[in-house]
Structure formats: structure tokens, C-alpha cells
Amino acid sequence: MSSAIESWADAGDEFSVPADIIQNPDGTKTVITFRTNQDGKKVKITQKIKEVIVREKVHPLIAQRKNWAKYGKEKHSSPGPDTSTTQLGEKVDLKLGLSWKQVEKKEEEDKAQERASRVVVQTIKCRVCGGDHYTAKCPFKDTLGASTSNGGTPEPGSEGAGDADAVTSTGRYIPRHLRPDANGNIPTREARDDSTTLKVSQLNTFVDEDMLRNELFARFGPLQRVTVVRDRETGESRGFAYVSFATEEIAQKALDLLNGKGYHSLILHLEWSKKKKPL
């Protein structure tokens, strides 16, 4: 409880007025002091104090320091804080607990439960060669003779439609390289016809098969095959692709017109995927 005292403007230092201490019947005491507030006005402060004796064990150095003689304005005062020079506040005790260990343990249990309940996502697997890429982008889908237009079952008239081992008892199609006689059916790189295939290098990483078909080589007619070589781990383009044309003449024309031309901020480099034998 405080009230402004206007008539004390001529008073000197705020500690020049001694504190008025009143002993109460209930064992407490009321301390009345005067201070100067932020506005420069003298205010009256009334505090009701209850003294409680608390015995505690402290470090010997702390007990020794409490017995030091006072100095300054509290030189001749009694032991303990003087209300005229010290403003008493609320005592806050710091209590350290061990609950953080339980919280940390609970967080670890929640993470383990989340990992256990997480659904395992199946990795991408090609139905033609078994690689970790989409079947539509398999570089061997044409050479292995497997058609994926109807969910992995060979179309009538296709190379794998008449094989007895191509379909299991469950109706699932087995690619050629996974059949028991796969060793004799996989075409080697030497046996594959690459006479109409060009290697297109120095491509930007965002260029895909559709961009090559519809933008770069659309003028040369339908393409037999377009394959952008990608990184096996990240799936990002490695900057080159293989493009197969209908005839060798069309491939030669594309090589002459586009080699050294700019495409998406890079200079294209076209060459035959298989070196031509000298005539």
C-alpha cells in the first residue's frame, strides 16, 4: 500500500527519514518507510513482515561470511537485513528435479513406436529387367521383347506370347531374363542393332524423353526409341541420351542438323552410339 506525500518535497535524502516499525499482537511487524518514485514524488510504503527462523546447513565459508561485521550505513545495525536500506522481496527456492529423464525416455519410446508402425514403402521395380526404375522408362523394354501395355502380359502376336514359360500358374508374366532359359535369350550389346541410334550428349538435367521426342527430334518423324540415362540412386539425368531412328539416313540427317546446336542453354553433341566400320 503506497500513497504520494506532496508536502515532503523539501525533505533531503530518502534514507534520512528512519523507518517506523510497529509490533503487531500476532507476532508480525509493520514497517513504514518513505521512498522517491520515478516521478520524483515522495511515497509512503507500508510492509507487513513476519519473521520466521529457519535453520539450514550451509557451507562453512558461507556461515563465516554471515558473521562478517557490517559497514557503511548498516555498520551499527543488528544482524540481518535492515529495512531502511534493504527492500525485502519474495524468496524463491530452486528445486531441481529428475523428471527430464522420464520425458526423454518417453520421447524415445514414441519415436521407436512410430518407426515400428510406419508402413514400409516398396521400392520401384521394373517388370522387364527388374531394375529400380519405371517399366515405361526401361532401356531394355524393346530389346527384351516384353510389352507392358496391358499390365505385363504379352500382347497377341508379340515375341513372348507363345512361350509356355512366359506365364506362371497365377497368370503373372515372367520377363525373358528371369526365365530358366534366360541365358540364351538376352541379346548382347554386340548383337543388338544400333546402326540407327545416336548418342546425344551435353543435355540439361531437366530434359526428359518427351522433350526429346516432341521438341528436338519431332521433325525427323516417329522415333523407335528414346532413353535418357539417369543416375541409379537419385534418378537425375546424367546429361546424355540414346535416340533410335527409323532408318540410318534419318539418323544421319539429325546428326548433321543438330550437332553443335544450342538446346536449353547447352551445346548439343551428337555421335553414333556404335562406331561405323570403315567402308
C-alpha atoms as a PDB file:
ATOM      1  CA  MET A   1       0.000   0.000   0.000  1.00  0.00           C
ATOM      2  CA  SER A   2       1.547   3.348  -1.037  1.00  0.00           C
ATOM      3  CA  SER A   3       0.334   6.954  -1.138  1.00  0.00           C
ATOM      4  CA  ALA A   4       2.000  10.113  -2.536  1.00  0.00           C
ATOM      5  CA  ILE A   5       3.108  12.723   0.002  1.00  0.00           C
ATOM      6  CA  GLU A   6       3.231  16.163  -1.676  1.00  0.00           C
ATOM      7  CA  SER A   7       4.197  18.123   1.466  1.00  0.00           C
ATOM      8  CA  TRP A   8       7.564  16.402   1.820  1.00  0.00           C
ATOM      9  CA  ALA A   9       9.171  17.965  -1.239  1.00  0.00           C
ATOM     10  CA  ASP A  10      11.740  19.749   0.943  1.00  0.00           C
ATOM     11  CA  ALA A  11      12.946  16.517   2.522  1.00  0.00           C
ATOM     12  CA  GLY A  12      16.536  15.519   1.877  1.00  0.00           C
ATOM     13  CA  ASP A  13      17.830  12.048   1.141  1.00  0.00           C
ATOM     14  CA  GLU A  14      15.213   9.305   1.059  1.00  0.00           C
ATOM     15  CA  PHE A  15      17.045   7.373   3.758  1.00  0.00           C
ATOM     16  CA  SER A  16      17.172  10.382   6.112  1.00  0.00           C
ATOM     17  CA  VAL A  17      13.699   9.536   7.445  1.00  0.00           C
ATOM     18  CA  PRO A  18      14.009   6.459   9.694  1.00  0.00           C
ATOM     19  CA  ALA A  19      11.644   3.570   9.204  1.00  0.00           C
ATOM     20  CA  ASP A  20       8.668   3.384  11.545  1.00  0.00           C
ATOM     21  CA  ILE A  21       8.373  -0.165  12.923  1.00  0.00           C
ATOM     22  CA  ILE A  22       5.157  -1.204  14.680  1.00  0.00           C
ATOM     23  CA  GLN A  23       4.981  -4.521  16.530  1.00  0.00           C
ATOM     24  CA  ASN A  24       1.669  -6.303  15.951  1.00  0.00           C
ATOM     25  CA  PRO A  25      -0.093  -8.569  18.507  1.00  0.00           C
ATOM     26  CA  ASP A  26       0.083 -11.584  16.160  1.00  0.00           C
ATOM     27  CA  GLY A  27       3.873 -11.560  16.185  1.00  0.00           C
ATOM     28  CA  THR A  28       4.316  -9.706  12.900  1.00  0.00           C
ATOM     29  CA  LYS A  29       5.532  -6.168  12.490  1.00  0.00           C
ATOM     30  CA  THR A  30       4.524  -3.329  10.202  1.00  0.00           C
ATOM     31  CA  VAL A  31       7.340  -1.323   8.630  1.00  0.00           C
ATOM     32  CA  ILE A  32       6.566   2.139   7.246  1.00  0.00           C
ATOM     33  CA  THR A  33       9.221   3.709   5.011  1.00  0.00           C
ATOM     34  CA  PHE A  34       9.394   6.587   2.558  1.00  0.00           C
ATOM     35  CA  ARG A  35      10.844   6.429  -0.945  1.00  0.00           C
ATOM     36  CA  THR A  36      11.057   8.605  -4.068  1.00  0.00           C
ATOM     37  CA  ASN A  37       9.202   7.227  -7.082  1.00  0.00           C
ATOM     38  CA  GLN A  38      10.062   7.658 -10.768  1.00  0.00           C
ATOM     39  CA  ASP A  39       8.171  10.947 -10.950  1.00  0.00           C
ATOM     40  CA  GLY A  40      10.293  12.449  -8.166  1.00  0.00           C
ATOM     41  CA  LYS A  41       7.472  12.343  -5.622  1.00  0.00           C
ATOM     42  CA  LYS A  42       7.821  11.081  -2.080  1.00  0.00           C
ATOM     43  CA  VAL A  43       5.721   7.969  -1.450  1.00  0.00           C
ATOM     44  CA  LYS A  44       4.849   6.105   1.718  1.00  0.00           C
ATOM     45  CA  ILE A  45       5.449   2.346   1.693  1.00  0.00           C
ATOM     46  CA  THR A  46       3.831   0.087   4.273  1.00  0.00           C
ATOM     47  CA  GLN A  47       5.064  -3.507   4.627  1.00  0.00           C
ATOM     48  CA  LYS A  48       3.808  -6.217   6.921  1.00  0.00           C
ATOM     49  CA  ILE A  49       6.615  -8.617   7.827  1.00  0.00           C
ATOM     50  CA  LYS A  50       6.515 -11.935   9.607  1.00  0.00           C
ATOM     51  CA  GLU A  51       9.865 -13.194  10.830  1.00  0.00           C
ATOM     52  CA  VAL A  52      10.409 -16.947  10.614  1.00  0.00           C
ATOM     53  CA  ILE A  53      13.504 -18.650  11.980  1.00  0.00           C
ATOM     54  CA  VAL A  54      14.784 -21.231   9.527  1.00  0.00           C
ATOM     55  CA  ARG A  55      17.711 -23.449  10.414  1.00  0.00           C
ATOM     56  CA  GLU A  56      19.658 -24.804   7.461  1.00  0.00           C
ATOM     57  CA  LYS A  57      23.028 -26.329   6.839  1.00  0.00           C
ATOM     58  CA  VAL A  58      25.286 -24.251   4.639  1.00  0.00           C
ATOM     59  CA  HIS A  59      28.878 -24.383   3.546  1.00  0.00           C
ATOM     60  CA  PRO A  60      31.328 -23.315   6.274  1.00  0.00           C
ATOM     61  CA  LEU A  61      32.571 -20.425   4.147  1.00  0.00           C
ATOM     62  CA  ILE A  62      29.006 -19.115   3.784  1.00  0.00           C
ATOM     63  CA  ALA A  63      28.495 -19.310   7.573  1.00  0.00           C
ATOM     64  CA  GLN A  64      31.769 -17.465   8.077  1.00  0.00           C
ATOM     65  CA  ARG A  65      30.755 -14.739   5.660  1.00  0.00           C
ATOM     66  CA  LYS A  66      27.456 -14.180   7.523  1.00  0.00           C
ATOM     67  CA  ASN A  67      29.459 -13.341  10.665  1.00  0.00           C
ATOM     68  CA  TRP A  68      31.375 -10.533   8.989  1.00  0.00           C
ATOM     69  CA  ALA A  69      30.932  -7.091  10.560  1.00  0.00           C
ATOM     70  CA  LYS A  70      28.666  -4.697   8.683  1.00  0.00           C
ATOM     71  CA  TYR A  71      29.924  -1.426   7.219  1.00  0.00           C
ATOM     72  CA  GLY A  72      28.543   1.760   5.763  1.00  0.00           C
ATOM     73  CA  LYS A  73      25.053   2.825   6.798  1.00  0.00           C
ATOM     74  CA  GLU A  74      24.416  -0.599   8.383  1.00  0.00           C
ATOM     75  CA  LYS A  75      27.595  -0.518  10.458  1.00  0.00           C
ATOM     76  CA  HIS A  76      25.808  -0.366  13.835  1.00  0.00           C
ATOM     77  CA  SER A  77      22.631  -2.213  12.866  1.00  0.00           C
ATOM     78  CA  SER A  78      21.522  -5.549  14.250  1.00  0.00           C
ATOM     79  CA  PRO A  79      22.232  -8.801  12.428  1.00  0.00           C
ATOM     80  CA  GLY A  80      20.121  -9.426   9.366  1.00  0.00           C
ATOM     81  CA  PRO A  81      18.890  -7.050   6.668  1.00  0.00           C
ATOM     82  CA  ASP A  82      17.879  -3.544   7.732  1.00  0.00           C
ATOM     83  CA  THR A  83      14.523  -2.430   6.307  1.00  0.00           C
ATOM     84  CA  SER A  84      15.746   1.146   5.938  1.00  0.00           C
ATOM     85  CA  THR A  85      18.451   0.175   3.483  1.00  0.00           C
ATOM     86  CA  THR A  86      17.228  -3.159   2.126  1.00  0.00           C
ATOM     87  CA  GLN A  87      13.946  -3.882   0.402  1.00  0.00           C
ATOM     88  CA  LEU A  88      12.791  -7.375   1.191  1.00  0.00           C
ATOM     89  CA  GLY A  89      11.368  -9.460  -1.625  1.00  0.00           C
ATOM     90  CA  GLU A  90       9.889 -12.879  -2.131  1.00  0.00           C
ATOM     91  CA  LYS A  91      12.231 -15.762  -1.541  1.00  0.00           C
ATOM     92  CA  VAL A  92      12.377 -18.162  -4.475  1.00  0.00           C
ATOM     93  CA  ASP A  93      13.735 -21.656  -3.885  1.00  0.00           C
ATOM     94  CA  LEU A  94      15.327 -23.516  -6.795  1.00  0.00           C
ATOM     95  CA  LYS A  95      14.302 -27.144  -6.808  1.00  0.00           C
ATOM     96  CA  LEU A  96      15.992 -29.388  -9.328  1.00  0.00           C
ATOM     97  CA  GLY A  97      14.047 -32.487 -10.296  1.00  0.00           C
ATOM     98  CA  LEU A  98      14.755 -35.603 -12.340  1.00  0.00           C
ATOM     99  CA  SER A  99      11.559 -35.506 -14.397  1.00  0.00           C
ATOM    100  CA  TRP A 100      13.535 -34.635 -17.553  1.00  0.00           C
ATOM    101  CA  LYS A 101      14.829 -38.195 -17.647  1.00  0.00           C
ATOM    102  CA  GLN A 102      11.308 -39.585 -17.813  1.00  0.00           C
ATOM    103  CA  VAL A 103      10.381 -37.083 -20.531  1.00  0.00           C
ATOM    104  CA  GLU A 104      13.421 -38.043 -22.610  1.00  0.00           C
ATOM    105  CA  LYS A 105      12.680 -41.744 -22.163  1.00  0.00           C
ATOM    106  CA  LYS A 106       9.071 -41.231 -23.246  1.00  0.00           C
ATOM    107  CA  GLU A 107      10.175 -39.360 -26.378  1.00  0.00           C
ATOM    108  CA  GLU A 108      12.498 -42.225 -27.342  1.00  0.00           C
ATOM    109  CA  GLU A 109       9.675 -44.751 -26.831  1.00  0.00           C
ATOM    110  CA  ASP A 110       7.332 -42.663 -29.015  1.00  0.00           C
ATOM    111  CA  LYS A 111       9.934 -42.492 -31.794  1.00  0.00           C
ATOM    112  CA  ALA A 112      10.500 -46.255 -31.646  1.00  0.00           C
ATOM    113  CA  GLN A 113       6.752 -46.896 -31.801  1.00  0.00           C
ATOM    114  CA  GLU A 114       6.420 -44.546 -34.756  1.00  0.00           C
ATOM    115  CA  ARG A 115       9.208 -46.347 -36.622  1.00  0.00           C
ATOM    116  CA  ALA A 116       7.592 -49.717 -35.900  1.00  0.00           C
ATOM    117  CA  SER A 117       4.162 -48.601 -37.124  1.00  0.00           C
ATOM    118  CA  ARG A 118       5.474 -46.876 -40.212  1.00  0.00           C
ATOM    119  CA  VAL A 119       4.387 -48.534 -43.453  1.00  0.00           C
ATOM    120  CA  VAL A 120       7.326 -49.836 -45.454  1.00  0.00           C
ATOM    121  CA  VAL A 121       7.173 -48.291 -48.916  1.00  0.00           C
ATOM    122  CA  GLN A 122       8.016 -50.770 -51.649  1.00  0.00           C
ATOM    123  CA  THR A 123      10.792 -49.624 -53.951  1.00  0.00           C
ATOM    124  CA  ILE A 124      10.194 -49.186 -57.661  1.00  0.00           C
ATOM    125  CA  LYS A 125      10.951 -52.328 -59.659  1.00  0.00           C
ATOM    126  CA  CYS A 126      10.872 -52.707 -63.415  1.00  0.00           C
ATOM    127  CA  ARG A 127       8.748 -55.595 -64.711  1.00  0.00           C
ATOM    128  CA  VAL A 128      11.063 -56.099 -67.674  1.00  0.00           C
ATOM    129  CA  CYS A 129      14.595 -56.110 -66.274  1.00  0.00           C
ATOM    130  CA  GLY A 130      13.960 -55.935 -62.519  1.00  0.00           C
ATOM    131  CA  GLY A 131      15.828 -52.621 -62.117  1.00  0.00           C
ATOM    132  CA  ASP A 132      14.863 -49.780 -59.757  1.00  0.00           C
ATOM    133  CA  HIS A 133      13.095 -47.691 -62.413  1.00  0.00           C
ATOM    134  CA  TYR A 134       9.672 -47.494 -64.051  1.00  0.00           C
ATOM    135  CA  THR A 135       8.873 -50.102 -66.686  1.00  0.00           C
ATOM    136  CA  ALA A 136       7.939 -47.403 -69.206  1.00  0.00           C
ATOM    137  CA  LYS A 137      11.455 -45.952 -68.923  1.00  0.00           C
ATOM    138  CA  CYS A 138      13.308 -49.261 -69.084  1.00  0.00           C
ATOM    139  CA  PRO A 139      16.151 -49.067 -71.642  1.00  0.00           C
ATOM    140  CA  PHE A 140      15.734 -52.792 -72.417  1.00  0.00           C
ATOM    141  CA  LYS A 141      11.976 -52.946 -72.939  1.00  0.00           C
ATOM    142  CA  ASP A 142      12.345 -53.069 -76.738  1.00  0.00           C
ATOM    143  CA  THR A 143      15.373 -55.350 -76.903  1.00  0.00           C
ATOM    144  CA  LEU A 144      13.918 -57.901 -74.482  1.00  0.00           C
ATOM    145  CA  GLY A 145      10.652 -58.064 -76.444  1.00  0.00           C
ATOM    146  CA  ALA A 146       8.334 -57.517 -73.464  1.00  0.00           C
ATOM    147  CA  SER A 147       5.229 -55.398 -73.920  1.00  0.00           C
ATOM    148  CA  THR A 148       3.813 -53.627 -70.839  1.00  0.00           C
ATOM    149  CA  SER A 149       0.749 -52.023 -72.374  1.00  0.00           C
ATOM    150  CA  ASN A 150      -1.617 -54.498 -70.687  1.00  0.00           C
ATOM    151  CA  GLY A 151      -0.029 -54.735 -67.226  1.00  0.00           C
ATOM    152  CA  GLY A 152       2.891 -57.051 -68.016  1.00  0.00           C
ATOM    153  CA  THR A 153       1.121 -59.737 -70.115  1.00  0.00           C
ATOM    154  CA  PRO A 154       2.446 -60.164 -73.683  1.00  0.00           C
ATOM    155  CA  GLU A 155       0.131 -58.916 -76.379  1.00  0.00           C
ATOM    156  CA  PRO A 156      -1.103 -61.365 -79.016  1.00  0.00           C
ATOM    157  CA  GLY A 157       1.454 -61.764 -81.735  1.00  0.00           C
ATOM    158  CA  SER A 158       4.325 -60.442 -79.574  1.00  0.00           C
ATOM    159  CA  GLU A 159       7.589 -62.289 -79.162  1.00  0.00           C
ATOM    160  CA  GLY A 160       6.752 -63.645 -75.695  1.00  0.00           C
ATOM    161  CA  ALA A 161       3.094 -64.555 -76.307  1.00  0.00           C
ATOM    162  CA  GLY A 162       3.705 -68.092 -77.478  1.00  0.00           C
ATOM    163  CA  ASP A 163       6.213 -69.173 -74.835  1.00  0.00           C
ATOM    164  CA  ALA A 164       4.953 -71.761 -72.397  1.00  0.00           C
ATOM    165  CA  ASP A 165       7.209 -70.442 -69.637  1.00  0.00           C
ATOM    166  CA  ALA A 166       6.186 -66.791 -70.100  1.00  0.00           C
ATOM    167  CA  VAL A 167       3.140 -67.013 -67.771  1.00  0.00           C
ATOM    168  CA  THR A 168       3.072 -68.750 -64.403  1.00  0.00           C
ATOM    169  CA  SER A 169       0.148 -70.642 -62.902  1.00  0.00           C
ATOM    170  CA  THR A 170      -1.008 -67.410 -61.243  1.00  0.00           C
ATOM    171  CA  GLY A 171      -1.189 -65.630 -64.603  1.00  0.00           C
ATOM    172  CA  ARG A 172       1.813 -63.399 -63.930  1.00  0.00           C
ATOM    173  CA  TYR A 173       4.145 -62.630 -66.799  1.00  0.00           C
ATOM    174  CA  ILE A 174       7.811 -63.630 -66.397  1.00  0.00           C
ATOM    175  CA  PRO A 175      10.330 -61.448 -68.258  1.00  0.00           C
ATOM    176  CA  ARG A 176      12.759 -63.234 -70.527  1.00  0.00           C
ATOM    177  CA  HIS A 177      15.794 -62.548 -68.384  1.00  0.00           C
ATOM    178  CA  LEU A 178      14.095 -64.211 -65.371  1.00  0.00           C
ATOM    179  CA  ARG A 179      13.065 -67.430 -67.149  1.00  0.00           C
ATOM    180  CA  PRO A 180      15.026 -70.675 -66.726  1.00  0.00           C
ATOM    181  CA  ASP A 181      16.451 -70.390 -70.261  1.00  0.00           C
ATOM    182  CA  ALA A 182      17.284 -66.700 -69.883  1.00  0.00           C
ATOM    183  CA  ASN A 183      20.959 -67.113 -70.717  1.00  0.00           C
ATOM    184  CA  GLY A 184      20.247 -67.923 -74.335  1.00  0.00           C
ATOM    185  CA  ASN A 185      17.578 -65.245 -74.894  1.00  0.00           C
ATOM    186  CA  ILE A 186      19.185 -61.992 -73.698  1.00  0.00           C
ATOM    187  CA  PRO A 187      20.644 -60.132 -76.674  1.00  0.00           C
ATOM    188  CA  THR A 188      24.162 -58.909 -76.138  1.00  0.00           C
ATOM    189  CA  ARG A 189      25.359 -55.377 -76.883  1.00  0.00           C
ATOM    190  CA  GLU A 190      27.195 -56.678 -79.962  1.00  0.00           C
ATOM    191  CA  ALA A 191      24.131 -58.485 -81.308  1.00  0.00           C
ATOM    192  CA  ARG A 192      21.796 -55.515 -80.825  1.00  0.00           C
ATOM    193  CA  ASP A 193      21.241 -53.363 -83.905  1.00  0.00           C
ATOM    194  CA  ASP A 194      22.426 -49.823 -83.057  1.00  0.00           C
ATOM    195  CA  SER A 195      23.038 -48.731 -86.624  1.00  0.00           C
ATOM    196  CA  THR A 196      20.231 -46.140 -86.378  1.00  0.00           C
ATOM    197  CA  THR A 197      20.960 -44.981 -82.808  1.00  0.00           C
ATOM    198  CA  LEU A 198      22.591 -41.672 -81.911  1.00  0.00           C
ATOM    199  CA  LYS A 199      24.130 -40.702 -78.592  1.00  0.00           C
ATOM    200  CA  VAL A 200      23.058 -37.162 -77.628  1.00  0.00           C
ATOM    201  CA  SER A 201      25.400 -35.594 -75.065  1.00  0.00           C
ATOM    202  CA  GLN A 202      25.517 -32.300 -73.125  1.00  0.00           C
ATOM    203  CA  LEU A 203      21.827 -32.264 -72.298  1.00  0.00           C
ATOM    204  CA  ASN A 204      20.414 -30.191 -69.461  1.00  0.00           C
ATOM    205  CA  THR A 205      19.416 -32.282 -66.442  1.00  0.00           C
ATOM    206  CA  PHE A 206      15.701 -31.434 -66.693  1.00  0.00           C
ATOM    207  CA  VAL A 207      15.402 -32.689 -70.293  1.00  0.00           C
ATOM    208  CA  ASP A 208      13.370 -35.912 -70.444  1.00  0.00           C
ATOM    209  CA  GLU A 209      12.227 -38.373 -73.116  1.00  0.00           C
ATOM    210  CA  ASP A 210       9.071 -36.443 -74.016  1.00  0.00           C
ATOM    211  CA  MET A 211      11.015 -33.231 -74.585  1.00  0.00           C
ATOM    212  CA  LEU A 212      13.419 -35.051 -76.904  1.00  0.00           C
ATOM    213  CA  ARG A 213      10.564 -36.637 -78.852  1.00  0.00           C
ATOM    214  CA  ASN A 214       8.275 -33.609 -79.116  1.00  0.00           C
ATOM    215  CA  GLU A 215      10.729 -30.716 -79.227  1.00  0.00           C
ATOM    216  CA  LEU A 216      14.142 -31.757 -80.510  1.00  0.00           C
ATOM    217  CA  PHE A 217      13.528 -34.678 -82.902  1.00  0.00           C
ATOM    218  CA  ALA A 218       9.865 -34.182 -83.835  1.00  0.00           C
ATOM    219  CA  ARG A 219      10.812 -33.057 -87.380  1.00  0.00           C
ATOM    220  CA  PHE A 220      12.505 -36.386 -88.141  1.00  0.00           C
ATOM    221  CA  GLY A 221       9.361 -38.481 -87.839  1.00  0.00           C
ATOM    222  CA  PRO A 222       8.443 -41.190 -85.314  1.00  0.00           C
ATOM    223  CA  LEU A 223      11.343 -42.403 -83.218  1.00  0.00           C
ATOM    224  CA  GLN A 224      11.987 -46.038 -82.461  1.00  0.00           C
ATOM    225  CA  ARG A 225      13.395 -45.489 -79.010  1.00  0.00           C
ATOM    226  CA  VAL A 226      14.396 -42.577 -76.726  1.00  0.00           C
ATOM    227  CA  THR A 227      16.261 -43.304 -73.490  1.00  0.00           C
ATOM    228  CA  VAL A 228      17.667 -40.687 -71.109  1.00  0.00           C
ATOM    229  CA  VAL A 229      20.424 -42.222 -68.972  1.00  0.00           C
ATOM    230  CA  ARG A 230      19.769 -41.465 -65.316  1.00  0.00           C
ATOM    231  CA  ASP A 231      21.591 -41.939 -62.046  1.00  0.00           C
ATOM    232  CA  ARG A 232      20.567 -45.192 -60.384  1.00  0.00           C
ATOM    233  CA  GLU A 233      20.436 -43.677 -56.881  1.00  0.00           C
ATOM    234  CA  THR A 234      18.886 -40.243 -57.428  1.00  0.00           C
ATOM    235  CA  GLY A 235      17.065 -40.732 -60.743  1.00  0.00           C
ATOM    236  CA  GLU A 236      18.543 -37.482 -62.071  1.00  0.00           C
ATOM    237  CA  SER A 237      19.615 -37.274 -65.700  1.00  0.00           C
ATOM    238  CA  ARG A 238      23.321 -37.811 -66.342  1.00  0.00           C
ATOM    239  CA  GLY A 239      23.279 -35.418 -69.289  1.00  0.00           C
ATOM    240  CA  PHE A 240      23.095 -37.780 -72.258  1.00  0.00           C
ATOM    241  CA  ALA A 241      20.558 -39.985 -74.038  1.00  0.00           C
ATOM    242  CA  TYR A 242      20.243 -42.586 -76.804  1.00  0.00           C
ATOM    243  CA  VAL A 243      17.825 -41.944 -79.690  1.00  0.00           C
ATOM    244  CA  SER A 244      16.953 -44.593 -82.298  1.00  0.00           C
ATOM    245  CA  PHE A 245      15.510 -43.503 -85.661  1.00  0.00           C
ATOM    246  CA  ALA A 246      13.504 -45.374 -88.275  1.00  0.00           C
ATOM    247  CA  THR A 247      16.353 -45.501 -90.796  1.00  0.00           C
ATOM    248  CA  GLU A 248      20.037 -44.811 -90.873  1.00  0.00           C
ATOM    249  CA  GLU A 249      19.506 -41.967 -93.346  1.00  0.00           C
ATOM    250  CA  ILE A 250      17.189 -40.114 -90.961  1.00  0.00           C
ATOM    251  CA  ALA A 251      19.687 -40.573 -88.152  1.00  0.00           C
ATOM    252  CA  GLN A 252      22.454 -39.153 -90.344  1.00  0.00           C
ATOM    253  CA  LYS A 253      20.277 -36.148 -91.200  1.00  0.00           C
ATOM    254  CA  ALA A 254      19.588 -35.466 -87.491  1.00  0.00           C
ATOM    255  CA  LEU A 255      23.299 -35.760 -86.776  1.00  0.00           C
ATOM    256  CA  ASP A 256      24.186 -33.214 -89.454  1.00  0.00           C
ATOM    257  CA  LEU A 257      21.489 -30.696 -88.471  1.00  0.00           C
ATOM    258  CA  LEU A 258      21.645 -30.780 -84.679  1.00  0.00           C
ATOM    259  CA  ASN A 259      25.276 -31.482 -83.823  1.00  0.00           C
ATOM    260  CA  GLY A 260      26.752 -28.316 -82.295  1.00  0.00           C
ATOM    261  CA  LYS A 261      23.363 -26.569 -81.987  1.00  0.00           C
ATOM    262  CA  GLY A 262      22.114 -24.979 -78.765  1.00  0.00           C
ATOM    263  CA  TYR A 263      19.334 -26.576 -76.728  1.00  0.00           C
ATOM    264  CA  HIS A 264      18.262 -25.246 -73.328  1.00  0.00           C
ATOM    265  CA  SER A 265      21.438 -23.223 -72.734  1.00  0.00           C
ATOM    266  CA  LEU A 266      23.835 -26.057 -73.704  1.00  0.00           C
ATOM    267  CA  ILE A 267      25.575 -27.034 -76.955  1.00  0.00           C
ATOM    268  CA  LEU A 268      24.463 -30.453 -78.179  1.00  0.00           C
ATOM    269  CA  HIS A 269      26.944 -33.119 -79.196  1.00  0.00           C
ATOM    270  CA  LEU A 270      25.605 -35.940 -81.385  1.00  0.00           C
ATOM    271  CA  GLU A 271      27.513 -39.046 -82.389  1.00  0.00           C
ATOM    272  CA  TRP A 272      26.787 -42.597 -83.403  1.00  0.00           C
ATOM    273  CA  SER A 273      26.238 -44.894 -80.427  1.00  0.00           C
ATOM    274  CA  LYS A 274      28.099 -47.621 -82.302  1.00  0.00           C
ATOM    275  CA  LYS A 275      31.115 -46.648 -84.343  1.00  0.00           C
ATOM    276  CA  LYS A 276      30.713 -47.151 -88.048  1.00  0.00           C
ATOM    277  CA  LYS A 277      33.011 -49.605 -89.715  1.00  0.00           C
ATOM    278  CA  PRO A 278      35.071 -48.026 -92.491  1.00  0.00           C
ATOM    279  CA  LEU A 279      33.865 -48.923 -95.971  1.00  0.00           C
END
